N, C-alpha and C. Protein backbone atom coordinates (compact mmCIF):
# COMPACT_ATOMS: atom_id res chain seq x y z
N UNK A 1 0.85 -1.16 0.00
CA UNK A 1 0.00 0.00 0.00
C UNK A 1 0.90 1.23 0.00
N UNK A 2 0.38 2.34 -0.47
CA UNK A 2 1.21 3.52 -0.69
C UNK A 2 1.44 4.37 0.55
N UNK A 3 0.39 4.64 1.30
CA UNK A 3 0.50 5.58 2.42
C UNK A 3 0.01 4.95 3.73
N UNK A 4 0.64 5.31 4.85
CA UNK A 4 0.16 4.81 6.15
C UNK A 4 -1.31 5.18 6.39
N UNK A 5 -1.71 6.35 5.93
CA UNK A 5 -3.11 6.78 6.09
C UNK A 5 -4.07 5.78 5.43
N UNK A 6 -3.69 5.26 4.27
CA UNK A 6 -4.55 4.31 3.58
C UNK A 6 -4.62 2.98 4.32
N UNK A 7 -3.52 2.56 4.91
CA UNK A 7 -3.52 1.35 5.74
C UNK A 7 -4.52 1.53 6.89
N UNK A 8 -4.52 2.71 7.49
CA UNK A 8 -5.45 2.98 8.59
C UNK A 8 -6.91 2.93 8.12
N UNK A 9 -7.19 3.43 6.93
CA UNK A 9 -8.56 3.37 6.39
C UNK A 9 -8.98 1.92 6.19
N UNK A 10 -8.11 1.12 5.58
CA UNK A 10 -8.42 -0.30 5.35
C UNK A 10 -8.69 -1.00 6.67
N UNK A 11 -7.83 -0.78 7.64
CA UNK A 11 -8.01 -1.45 8.94
C UNK A 11 -9.26 -0.96 9.65
N UNK A 12 -9.60 0.30 9.48
CA UNK A 12 -10.85 0.83 10.05
C UNK A 12 -12.06 0.16 9.42
N UNK A 13 -12.02 -0.03 8.11
CA UNK A 13 -13.13 -0.71 7.42
C UNK A 13 -13.23 -2.16 7.86
N UNK A 14 -12.10 -2.82 8.02
CA UNK A 14 -12.11 -4.22 8.48
C UNK A 14 -12.71 -4.32 9.88
N UNK A 15 -12.29 -3.44 10.76
CA UNK A 15 -12.78 -3.44 12.14
C UNK A 15 -14.29 -3.20 12.17
N UNK A 16 -14.75 -2.25 11.38
CA UNK A 16 -16.18 -1.95 11.30
C UNK A 16 -16.96 -3.16 10.78
N UNK A 17 -16.46 -3.80 9.73
CA UNK A 17 -17.15 -4.97 9.16
C UNK A 17 -17.23 -6.11 10.18
N UNK A 18 -16.13 -6.38 10.87
CA UNK A 18 -16.12 -7.44 11.90
C UNK A 18 -17.13 -7.14 13.00
N UNK A 19 -17.17 -5.89 13.45
CA UNK A 19 -18.07 -5.52 14.54
C UNK A 19 -19.54 -5.63 14.14
N UNK A 20 -19.81 -5.63 12.83
CA UNK A 20 -21.19 -5.71 12.35
C UNK A 20 -21.54 -7.08 11.77
N UNK A 21 -20.67 -8.08 12.04
CA UNK A 21 -21.02 -9.45 11.71
C UNK A 21 -20.40 -10.04 10.47
N UNK A 22 -19.51 -9.34 9.77
CA UNK A 22 -18.86 -9.92 8.59
C UNK A 22 -17.86 -10.99 9.03
N UNK A 23 -17.61 -11.92 8.12
CA UNK A 23 -16.70 -13.03 8.40
C UNK A 23 -15.54 -12.98 7.41
N UNK A 24 -14.32 -13.05 7.92
CA UNK A 24 -13.12 -12.99 7.07
C UNK A 24 -12.72 -14.41 6.69
N UNK A 25 -12.88 -14.74 5.42
CA UNK A 25 -12.54 -16.07 4.91
C UNK A 25 -11.03 -16.20 4.79
N UNK A 26 -10.37 -15.12 4.37
CA UNK A 26 -8.91 -15.13 4.22
C UNK A 26 -8.39 -13.73 4.46
N UNK A 27 -7.15 -13.66 4.94
CA UNK A 27 -6.47 -12.38 5.09
C UNK A 27 -7.01 -11.52 6.22
N UNK A 28 -6.90 -10.22 6.00
CA UNK A 28 -7.39 -9.26 6.99
C UNK A 28 -6.33 -8.75 7.94
N UNK A 29 -5.07 -9.13 7.69
CA UNK A 29 -4.02 -8.71 8.62
C UNK A 29 -2.95 -7.90 7.89
N UNK A 30 -2.35 -7.02 8.63
CA UNK A 30 -1.25 -6.23 8.12
C UNK A 30 0.00 -7.11 8.11
N UNK A 31 0.82 -6.97 7.08
CA UNK A 31 2.06 -7.71 6.98
C UNK A 31 3.20 -6.75 7.29
N UNK A 32 3.93 -7.03 8.33
CA UNK A 32 5.04 -6.16 8.72
C UNK A 32 6.30 -6.58 7.98
N UNK A 33 6.88 -5.63 7.28
CA UNK A 33 8.09 -5.91 6.51
C UNK A 33 8.89 -4.62 6.39
N UNK A 34 10.17 -4.75 6.15
CA UNK A 34 11.02 -3.58 5.99
C UNK A 34 10.83 -2.93 4.62
N UNK A 35 10.22 -3.63 3.70
CA UNK A 35 10.11 -3.14 2.32
C UNK A 35 8.94 -2.20 2.11
N UNK A 36 8.05 -2.04 3.06
CA UNK A 36 6.96 -1.11 2.84
C UNK A 36 5.70 -1.49 3.58
N UNK A 37 4.60 -0.90 3.14
CA UNK A 37 3.29 -1.09 3.77
C UNK A 37 2.54 -2.20 3.02
N UNK A 38 2.28 -3.28 3.69
CA UNK A 38 1.60 -4.40 3.06
C UNK A 38 0.42 -4.85 3.90
N UNK A 39 -0.58 -5.37 3.21
CA UNK A 39 -1.75 -5.95 3.88
C UNK A 39 -2.09 -7.21 3.12
N UNK A 40 -2.45 -8.26 3.84
CA UNK A 40 -2.80 -9.52 3.17
C UNK A 40 -4.02 -9.33 2.27
N UNK A 41 -4.03 -10.01 1.13
CA UNK A 41 -5.27 -10.04 0.33
C UNK A 41 -6.37 -10.64 1.20
N UNK A 42 -7.55 -10.06 1.14
CA UNK A 42 -8.61 -10.41 2.08
C UNK A 42 -9.92 -10.68 1.37
N UNK A 43 -10.61 -11.73 1.79
CA UNK A 43 -11.95 -12.05 1.30
C UNK A 43 -12.90 -12.00 2.49
N UNK A 44 -13.98 -11.21 2.34
CA UNK A 44 -14.93 -11.02 3.42
C UNK A 44 -16.32 -11.40 2.94
N UNK A 45 -17.04 -12.20 3.74
CA UNK A 45 -18.42 -12.56 3.40
C UNK A 45 -19.35 -12.05 4.50
N UNK A 46 -20.63 -12.08 4.21
CA UNK A 46 -21.61 -11.64 5.20
C UNK A 46 -21.63 -10.12 5.37
N UNK A 47 -21.24 -9.40 4.32
CA UNK A 47 -21.23 -7.94 4.41
C UNK A 47 -22.60 -7.40 4.03
N UNK A 48 -22.85 -6.16 4.42
CA UNK A 48 -24.09 -5.49 4.04
C UNK A 48 -23.81 -3.99 3.92
N UNK A 49 -24.81 -3.27 3.50
CA UNK A 49 -24.61 -1.84 3.22
C UNK A 49 -24.66 -0.95 4.46
N UNK A 50 -24.63 -1.57 5.64
CA UNK A 50 -24.47 -0.80 6.87
C UNK A 50 -23.00 -0.70 7.24
N UNK A 51 -22.16 -1.36 6.47
CA UNK A 51 -20.72 -1.42 6.76
C UNK A 51 -19.95 -0.43 5.89
N UNK A 52 -18.94 0.19 6.48
CA UNK A 52 -18.10 1.15 5.74
C UNK A 52 -17.48 0.51 4.51
N UNK A 53 -17.11 -0.75 4.64
CA UNK A 53 -16.42 -1.43 3.54
C UNK A 53 -17.28 -1.52 2.28
N UNK A 54 -18.60 -1.41 2.45
CA UNK A 54 -19.51 -1.46 1.30
C UNK A 54 -20.00 -0.08 0.88
N UNK A 55 -19.74 0.94 1.67
CA UNK A 55 -20.27 2.27 1.36
C UNK A 55 -19.18 3.32 1.12
N UNK A 56 -17.94 3.01 1.46
CA UNK A 56 -16.85 3.97 1.29
C UNK A 56 -15.76 3.34 0.42
N UNK A 57 -14.91 4.19 -0.12
CA UNK A 57 -13.81 3.68 -0.94
C UNK A 57 -12.70 3.16 -0.03
N UNK A 58 -12.48 1.84 -0.07
CA UNK A 58 -11.49 1.20 0.78
C UNK A 58 -10.10 1.28 0.16
N UNK A 59 -9.98 1.05 -1.11
CA UNK A 59 -8.70 1.02 -1.82
C UNK A 59 -7.68 0.17 -1.08
N UNK A 60 -8.07 -1.06 -0.83
CA UNK A 60 -7.18 -2.01 -0.19
C UNK A 60 -7.32 -3.36 -0.89
N UNK A 61 -6.48 -4.31 -0.50
CA UNK A 61 -6.50 -5.62 -1.15
C UNK A 61 -7.61 -6.52 -0.59
N UNK A 62 -8.85 -6.16 -0.90
CA UNK A 62 -9.95 -6.94 -0.35
C UNK A 62 -11.08 -7.11 -1.35
N UNK A 63 -11.81 -8.18 -1.17
CA UNK A 63 -13.04 -8.44 -1.91
C UNK A 63 -14.12 -8.73 -0.89
N UNK A 64 -15.18 -7.95 -0.95
CA UNK A 64 -16.33 -8.18 -0.08
C UNK A 64 -17.42 -8.84 -0.90
N UNK A 65 -17.94 -9.95 -0.41
CA UNK A 65 -18.94 -10.73 -1.14
C UNK A 65 -20.29 -10.57 -0.46
N UNK A 66 -21.27 -10.13 -1.24
CA UNK A 66 -22.62 -9.93 -0.73
C UNK A 66 -23.58 -10.81 -1.53
N UNK A 67 -24.44 -11.51 -0.84
CA UNK A 67 -25.42 -12.37 -1.51
C UNK A 67 -26.56 -11.54 -2.09
N UNK A 68 -27.15 -12.08 -3.17
CA UNK A 68 -28.33 -11.47 -3.79
C UNK A 68 -29.18 -12.59 -4.39
N UNK A 69 -30.44 -12.28 -4.66
CA UNK A 69 -31.36 -13.29 -5.19
C UNK A 69 -31.70 -13.10 -6.66
N UNK A 70 -31.73 -11.86 -7.11
CA UNK A 70 -32.12 -11.59 -8.50
C UNK A 70 -31.10 -10.66 -9.15
N UNK A 71 -31.12 -10.64 -10.46
CA UNK A 71 -30.25 -9.74 -11.22
C UNK A 71 -30.54 -8.29 -10.85
N UNK A 72 -31.80 -7.97 -10.74
CA UNK A 72 -32.20 -6.60 -10.39
C UNK A 72 -31.67 -6.21 -9.01
N UNK A 73 -31.73 -7.14 -8.06
CA UNK A 73 -31.21 -6.86 -6.72
C UNK A 73 -29.70 -6.64 -6.77
N UNK A 74 -28.99 -7.44 -7.55
CA UNK A 74 -27.54 -7.28 -7.67
C UNK A 74 -27.19 -5.91 -8.23
N UNK A 75 -27.91 -5.47 -9.25
CA UNK A 75 -27.67 -4.15 -9.84
C UNK A 75 -27.98 -3.06 -8.83
N UNK A 76 -29.09 -3.20 -8.13
CA UNK A 76 -29.48 -2.22 -7.11
C UNK A 76 -28.43 -2.12 -6.01
N UNK A 77 -27.93 -3.25 -5.54
CA UNK A 77 -26.89 -3.25 -4.50
C UNK A 77 -25.59 -2.61 -5.02
N UNK A 78 -25.23 -2.93 -6.26
CA UNK A 78 -24.01 -2.36 -6.84
C UNK A 78 -24.12 -0.84 -6.97
N UNK A 79 -25.31 -0.35 -7.29
CA UNK A 79 -25.51 1.09 -7.48
C UNK A 79 -25.79 1.85 -6.19
N UNK A 80 -25.99 1.13 -5.09
CA UNK A 80 -26.30 1.76 -3.81
C UNK A 80 -25.02 2.25 -3.14
N UNK A 81 -24.42 3.25 -3.75
CA UNK A 81 -23.16 3.78 -3.26
C UNK A 81 -23.01 5.21 -3.77
N UNK A 82 -22.27 6.00 -3.04
CA UNK A 82 -21.96 7.36 -3.49
C UNK A 82 -20.80 7.35 -4.49
N UNK A 83 -20.22 6.17 -4.71
CA UNK A 83 -19.04 6.06 -5.56
C UNK A 83 -19.32 5.20 -6.78
N UNK A 84 -18.51 5.35 -7.80
CA UNK A 84 -18.68 4.54 -9.00
C UNK A 84 -17.48 4.66 -9.92
N UNK A 85 -16.31 4.25 -9.44
CA UNK A 85 -15.12 4.32 -10.28
C UNK A 85 -15.07 3.16 -11.27
N UNK A 86 -15.12 1.96 -10.75
CA UNK A 86 -14.96 0.79 -11.59
C UNK A 86 -15.79 -0.36 -11.02
N UNK A 87 -16.21 -1.25 -11.89
CA UNK A 87 -16.98 -2.41 -11.46
C UNK A 87 -16.62 -3.60 -12.33
N UNK A 88 -16.99 -4.77 -11.87
CA UNK A 88 -16.78 -6.00 -12.63
C UNK A 88 -18.07 -6.81 -12.63
N UNK A 89 -18.35 -7.44 -13.74
CA UNK A 89 -19.47 -8.38 -13.86
C UNK A 89 -18.86 -9.72 -14.23
N UNK A 90 -19.22 -10.74 -13.46
CA UNK A 90 -18.65 -12.08 -13.66
C UNK A 90 -19.76 -13.05 -14.01
N UNK A 91 -19.72 -13.60 -15.21
CA UNK A 91 -20.71 -14.59 -15.65
C UNK A 91 -20.23 -15.24 -16.94
N UNK A 92 -20.74 -16.45 -17.21
CA UNK A 92 -20.46 -17.11 -18.49
C UNK A 92 -21.45 -16.71 -19.57
N UNK A 93 -22.49 -15.99 -19.19
CA UNK A 93 -23.53 -15.55 -20.12
C UNK A 93 -23.20 -14.15 -20.64
N UNK A 94 -22.69 -14.07 -21.87
CA UNK A 94 -22.22 -12.78 -22.39
C UNK A 94 -23.35 -11.77 -22.57
N UNK A 95 -24.54 -12.22 -22.93
CA UNK A 95 -25.67 -11.28 -23.07
C UNK A 95 -26.05 -10.70 -21.71
N UNK A 96 -26.08 -11.54 -20.69
CA UNK A 96 -26.39 -11.07 -19.33
C UNK A 96 -25.30 -10.10 -18.87
N UNK A 97 -24.05 -10.43 -19.14
CA UNK A 97 -22.93 -9.58 -18.71
C UNK A 97 -23.08 -8.18 -19.29
N UNK A 98 -23.37 -8.06 -20.57
CA UNK A 98 -23.52 -6.75 -21.20
C UNK A 98 -24.74 -6.01 -20.67
N UNK A 99 -25.82 -6.74 -20.48
CA UNK A 99 -27.06 -6.13 -19.96
C UNK A 99 -26.83 -5.55 -18.56
N UNK A 100 -26.19 -6.32 -17.70
CA UNK A 100 -25.92 -5.88 -16.33
C UNK A 100 -24.91 -4.73 -16.34
N UNK A 101 -23.85 -4.87 -17.13
CA UNK A 101 -22.81 -3.83 -17.19
C UNK A 101 -23.39 -2.48 -17.57
N UNK A 102 -24.33 -2.45 -18.50
CA UNK A 102 -24.93 -1.20 -18.94
C UNK A 102 -25.77 -0.53 -17.86
N UNK A 103 -26.20 -1.30 -16.87
CA UNK A 103 -27.05 -0.75 -15.80
C UNK A 103 -26.26 -0.35 -14.56
N UNK A 104 -24.99 -0.69 -14.51
CA UNK A 104 -24.17 -0.36 -13.35
C UNK A 104 -23.64 1.06 -13.49
N UNK A 105 -23.77 1.83 -12.43
CA UNK A 105 -23.35 3.23 -12.43
C UNK A 105 -21.88 3.32 -12.03
N UNK A 106 -21.01 3.09 -13.01
CA UNK A 106 -19.57 3.17 -12.80
C UNK A 106 -18.92 3.69 -14.07
N UNK A 107 -17.80 4.37 -13.91
CA UNK A 107 -17.11 4.94 -15.06
C UNK A 107 -16.61 3.89 -16.03
N UNK A 108 -16.29 2.71 -15.53
CA UNK A 108 -15.90 1.60 -16.40
C UNK A 108 -16.36 0.30 -15.76
N UNK A 109 -16.74 -0.62 -16.60
CA UNK A 109 -17.17 -1.94 -16.13
C UNK A 109 -16.42 -2.98 -16.95
N UNK A 110 -15.73 -3.87 -16.27
CA UNK A 110 -15.03 -4.97 -16.92
C UNK A 110 -15.87 -6.22 -16.81
N UNK A 111 -15.90 -7.00 -17.86
CA UNK A 111 -16.62 -8.27 -17.85
C UNK A 111 -15.59 -9.38 -17.69
N UNK A 112 -15.76 -10.16 -16.63
CA UNK A 112 -14.87 -11.28 -16.30
C UNK A 112 -13.41 -10.83 -16.18
N UNK A 113 -13.21 -9.65 -15.66
CA UNK A 113 -11.89 -9.10 -15.41
C UNK A 113 -12.03 -8.05 -14.33
N UNK A 114 -10.91 -7.50 -13.88
CA UNK A 114 -10.99 -6.54 -12.79
C UNK A 114 -10.66 -5.13 -13.24
N UNK A 115 -9.49 -4.91 -13.81
CA UNK A 115 -9.10 -3.54 -14.13
C UNK A 115 -8.38 -3.46 -15.48
N UNK A 116 -8.68 -4.40 -16.35
CA UNK A 116 -8.05 -4.40 -17.67
C UNK A 116 -8.34 -3.10 -18.42
N UNK A 117 -9.50 -2.51 -18.16
CA UNK A 117 -9.87 -1.29 -18.86
C UNK A 117 -8.88 -0.15 -18.62
N UNK A 118 -8.26 -0.10 -17.46
CA UNK A 118 -7.31 0.98 -17.18
C UNK A 118 -6.05 0.86 -18.03
N UNK A 119 -5.72 -0.35 -18.47
CA UNK A 119 -4.52 -0.54 -19.28
C UNK A 119 -4.76 -0.19 -20.75
N UNK A 120 -6.00 0.03 -21.13
CA UNK A 120 -6.32 0.36 -22.52
C UNK A 120 -6.43 1.88 -22.67
N UNK A 121 -5.36 2.47 -23.15
CA UNK A 121 -5.29 3.94 -23.17
C UNK A 121 -6.28 4.58 -24.12
N UNK A 122 -6.90 3.82 -25.01
CA UNK A 122 -7.92 4.39 -25.90
C UNK A 122 -9.28 4.52 -25.23
N UNK A 123 -9.45 3.83 -24.10
CA UNK A 123 -10.73 3.91 -23.38
C UNK A 123 -10.69 5.03 -22.35
N UNK A 124 -11.77 5.80 -22.23
CA UNK A 124 -11.79 6.81 -21.18
C UNK A 124 -11.82 6.15 -19.81
N UNK A 125 -11.13 6.76 -18.84
CA UNK A 125 -11.12 6.23 -17.49
C UNK A 125 -11.47 7.35 -16.52
N UNK A 126 -12.44 7.11 -15.69
CA UNK A 126 -12.88 8.06 -14.68
C UNK A 126 -14.15 7.54 -14.06
N UNK A 127 -14.57 8.16 -12.98
CA UNK A 127 -15.69 7.62 -12.23
C UNK A 127 -16.98 8.39 -12.36
N UNK A 128 -18.03 7.81 -11.79
CA UNK A 128 -19.33 8.44 -11.66
C UNK A 128 -19.47 8.90 -10.21
N UNK A 129 -20.45 9.71 -9.96
CA UNK A 129 -20.80 10.16 -8.61
C UNK A 129 -19.59 10.81 -7.94
N UNK A 130 -19.26 10.41 -6.71
CA UNK A 130 -18.14 11.01 -5.99
C UNK A 130 -16.78 10.41 -6.37
N UNK A 131 -16.76 9.54 -7.35
CA UNK A 131 -15.51 8.90 -7.75
C UNK A 131 -14.79 9.67 -8.85
N UNK A 132 -15.08 10.91 -8.99
CA UNK A 132 -14.28 11.69 -9.92
C UNK A 132 -15.10 12.52 -10.89
N UNK A 133 -14.42 13.48 -11.42
CA UNK A 133 -15.00 14.38 -12.39
C UNK A 133 -14.07 14.39 -13.58
N UNK A 134 -14.60 14.11 -14.74
CA UNK A 134 -13.78 14.09 -15.94
C UNK A 134 -13.21 12.71 -16.22
N UNK A 135 -12.40 12.65 -17.26
CA UNK A 135 -11.83 11.39 -17.72
C UNK A 135 -10.37 11.58 -18.08
N UNK A 136 -9.62 10.49 -18.04
CA UNK A 136 -8.29 10.44 -18.61
C UNK A 136 -8.32 9.36 -19.68
N UNK A 137 -7.36 9.40 -20.58
CA UNK A 137 -7.24 8.46 -21.70
C UNK A 137 -8.28 8.76 -22.79
N UNK A 138 -7.98 8.31 -23.98
CA UNK A 138 -8.90 8.44 -25.10
C UNK A 138 -9.23 9.89 -25.44
N UNK A 139 -10.10 10.08 -26.42
CA UNK A 139 -10.48 11.44 -26.82
C UNK A 139 -11.09 12.26 -25.68
N UNK A 140 -11.86 11.61 -24.81
CA UNK A 140 -12.47 12.31 -23.68
C UNK A 140 -11.41 12.84 -22.73
N UNK A 141 -10.34 12.08 -22.53
CA UNK A 141 -9.25 12.53 -21.68
C UNK A 141 -8.51 13.71 -22.28
N UNK A 142 -8.30 13.70 -23.59
CA UNK A 142 -7.64 14.84 -24.25
C UNK A 142 -8.51 16.09 -24.15
N UNK A 143 -9.81 15.93 -24.28
CA UNK A 143 -10.71 17.08 -24.20
C UNK A 143 -10.67 17.75 -22.82
N UNK A 144 -10.28 16.99 -21.81
CA UNK A 144 -10.20 17.56 -20.46
C UNK A 144 -9.15 18.66 -20.40
N UNK A 145 -8.20 18.64 -21.32
CA UNK A 145 -7.14 19.64 -21.34
C UNK A 145 -7.41 20.77 -22.34
N UNK A 146 -8.60 20.78 -22.90
CA UNK A 146 -8.93 21.78 -23.92
C UNK A 146 -9.99 22.74 -23.40
N UNK A 147 -9.99 23.92 -23.94
CA UNK A 147 -11.05 24.88 -23.70
C UNK A 147 -11.90 24.91 -24.96
N UNK A 148 -13.08 24.35 -24.87
CA UNK A 148 -13.98 24.29 -26.02
C UNK A 148 -14.78 25.58 -26.08
N UNK A 149 -14.85 26.16 -27.28
CA UNK A 149 -15.58 27.42 -27.43
C UNK A 149 -16.39 27.36 -28.71
N UNK A 150 -17.64 27.78 -28.63
CA UNK A 150 -18.50 27.85 -29.80
C UNK A 150 -18.62 29.31 -30.23
N UNK A 151 -18.40 29.57 -31.51
CA UNK A 151 -18.53 30.91 -32.07
C UNK A 151 -19.46 30.81 -33.27
N UNK A 152 -20.44 31.69 -33.31
CA UNK A 152 -21.37 31.67 -34.44
C UNK A 152 -21.47 33.06 -35.04
N UNK A 153 -21.75 33.12 -36.32
CA UNK A 153 -21.99 34.40 -36.98
C UNK A 153 -23.00 34.17 -38.09
N UNK A 154 -23.63 35.21 -38.54
CA UNK A 154 -24.63 35.12 -39.59
C UNK A 154 -23.93 34.90 -40.93
N UNK A 155 -24.16 33.75 -41.55
CA UNK A 155 -23.55 33.46 -42.84
C UNK A 155 -24.49 33.72 -44.00
N UNK A 156 -25.68 34.21 -43.71
CA UNK A 156 -26.66 34.44 -44.76
C UNK A 156 -26.28 35.65 -45.59
N UNK A 157 -26.65 35.62 -46.84
CA UNK A 157 -26.34 36.77 -47.69
C UNK A 157 -27.30 37.92 -47.45
N UNK A 158 -28.42 37.66 -46.77
CA UNK A 158 -29.29 38.76 -46.36
C UNK A 158 -29.31 38.83 -44.84
N UNK A 159 -29.66 39.95 -44.33
CA UNK A 159 -29.70 40.16 -42.88
C UNK A 159 -31.13 40.47 -42.47
N UNK A 160 -31.52 39.86 -41.35
CA UNK A 160 -32.83 40.15 -40.79
C UNK A 160 -32.69 41.26 -39.76
N UNK A 161 -33.66 42.12 -39.73
CA UNK A 161 -33.64 43.15 -38.68
C UNK A 161 -34.05 42.52 -37.35
N UNK A 162 -34.89 41.48 -37.40
CA UNK A 162 -35.26 40.70 -36.21
C UNK A 162 -34.58 39.34 -36.33
N UNK A 163 -34.10 38.84 -35.23
CA UNK A 163 -33.48 37.51 -35.25
C UNK A 163 -34.53 36.47 -35.62
N UNK A 164 -34.15 35.57 -36.47
CA UNK A 164 -35.08 34.57 -37.00
C UNK A 164 -35.70 33.71 -35.91
N UNK A 165 -34.92 33.32 -34.89
CA UNK A 165 -35.40 32.37 -33.89
C UNK A 165 -35.94 33.03 -32.63
N UNK A 166 -35.90 34.33 -32.55
CA UNK A 166 -36.30 35.00 -31.31
C UNK A 166 -37.78 35.30 -31.28
N UNK A 167 -38.37 35.07 -30.15
CA UNK A 167 -39.79 35.35 -29.92
C UNK A 167 -39.90 36.76 -29.35
N UNK A 168 -40.90 37.54 -29.62
CA UNK A 168 -42.05 37.24 -30.48
C UNK A 168 -41.69 37.41 -31.95
N UNK A 169 -42.29 36.58 -32.77
CA UNK A 169 -42.03 36.63 -34.20
C UNK A 169 -42.83 37.76 -34.85
N UNK A 170 -42.19 38.45 -35.77
CA UNK A 170 -42.95 39.42 -36.56
C UNK A 170 -43.76 38.64 -37.59
N UNK A 171 -44.73 39.28 -38.19
CA UNK A 171 -45.55 38.61 -39.22
C UNK A 171 -44.66 38.16 -40.38
N UNK A 172 -43.65 38.98 -40.69
CA UNK A 172 -42.75 38.66 -41.80
C UNK A 172 -41.93 37.39 -41.48
N UNK A 173 -41.36 37.32 -40.26
CA UNK A 173 -40.56 36.15 -39.86
C UNK A 173 -41.46 34.92 -39.77
N UNK A 174 -42.65 35.07 -39.18
CA UNK A 174 -43.58 33.95 -39.09
C UNK A 174 -43.90 33.41 -40.48
N UNK A 175 -44.07 34.30 -41.44
CA UNK A 175 -44.36 33.91 -42.82
C UNK A 175 -43.20 33.11 -43.41
N UNK A 176 -41.95 33.57 -43.15
CA UNK A 176 -40.77 32.83 -43.63
C UNK A 176 -40.70 31.44 -43.03
N UNK A 177 -40.91 31.36 -41.72
CA UNK A 177 -40.84 30.06 -41.03
C UNK A 177 -41.93 29.13 -41.53
N UNK A 178 -43.16 29.64 -41.66
CA UNK A 178 -44.29 28.81 -42.14
C UNK A 178 -43.99 28.31 -43.55
N UNK A 179 -43.46 29.16 -44.40
CA UNK A 179 -43.14 28.75 -45.78
C UNK A 179 -42.03 27.68 -45.78
N UNK A 180 -41.03 27.86 -44.95
CA UNK A 180 -39.94 26.87 -44.88
C UNK A 180 -40.44 25.53 -44.38
N UNK A 181 -41.28 25.54 -43.34
CA UNK A 181 -41.83 24.29 -42.82
C UNK A 181 -42.67 23.60 -43.86
N UNK A 182 -43.51 24.36 -44.55
CA UNK A 182 -44.37 23.79 -45.61
C UNK A 182 -43.52 23.20 -46.73
N UNK A 183 -42.45 23.92 -47.13
CA UNK A 183 -41.57 23.46 -48.20
C UNK A 183 -40.84 22.17 -47.78
N UNK A 184 -40.31 22.16 -46.56
CA UNK A 184 -39.51 21.03 -46.10
C UNK A 184 -40.34 19.80 -45.71
N UNK A 185 -41.50 20.04 -45.12
CA UNK A 185 -42.25 18.93 -44.54
C UNK A 185 -43.65 18.76 -45.11
N UNK A 186 -43.99 19.53 -46.14
CA UNK A 186 -45.27 19.39 -46.83
C UNK A 186 -46.40 19.91 -46.05
């Protein structure tokens, strides 16, 4: 892990989950080493949305497993968060995977993978909700560094004293619009 502060967040989430009835199948402990900040990969079951680990960004080596009964419930549980950076859909049914992925509120969704999308520099990367504003990578990422400006001018060879689209319309402008609509759409 990168920062001691992040280790503290992970451990706080683990402590909260344990106190609310979650069960650690594997891991959950800090690994003390001279080489840096490490935490065991962790699998947690019996989690729910009353736990920090399911409602806040943990950014630690853990997977929390929550049971569901229907596809709709799984989507609802996945979207019940203030965050939406990345998600994964795991299934052998490719049609179901695409259908579910399109309904998940996350900046990127990988099917049967975890974070492969971040390695593809042509794909935009960024989150929904509180997980970020804007994108990196791809055309959307380049646009984040640009100032887009629209400039318009009258290209017509004649000039109207009243703007064509501005209300209230003069009888003359109304006549032009009615004639154009009739000509274009019968």
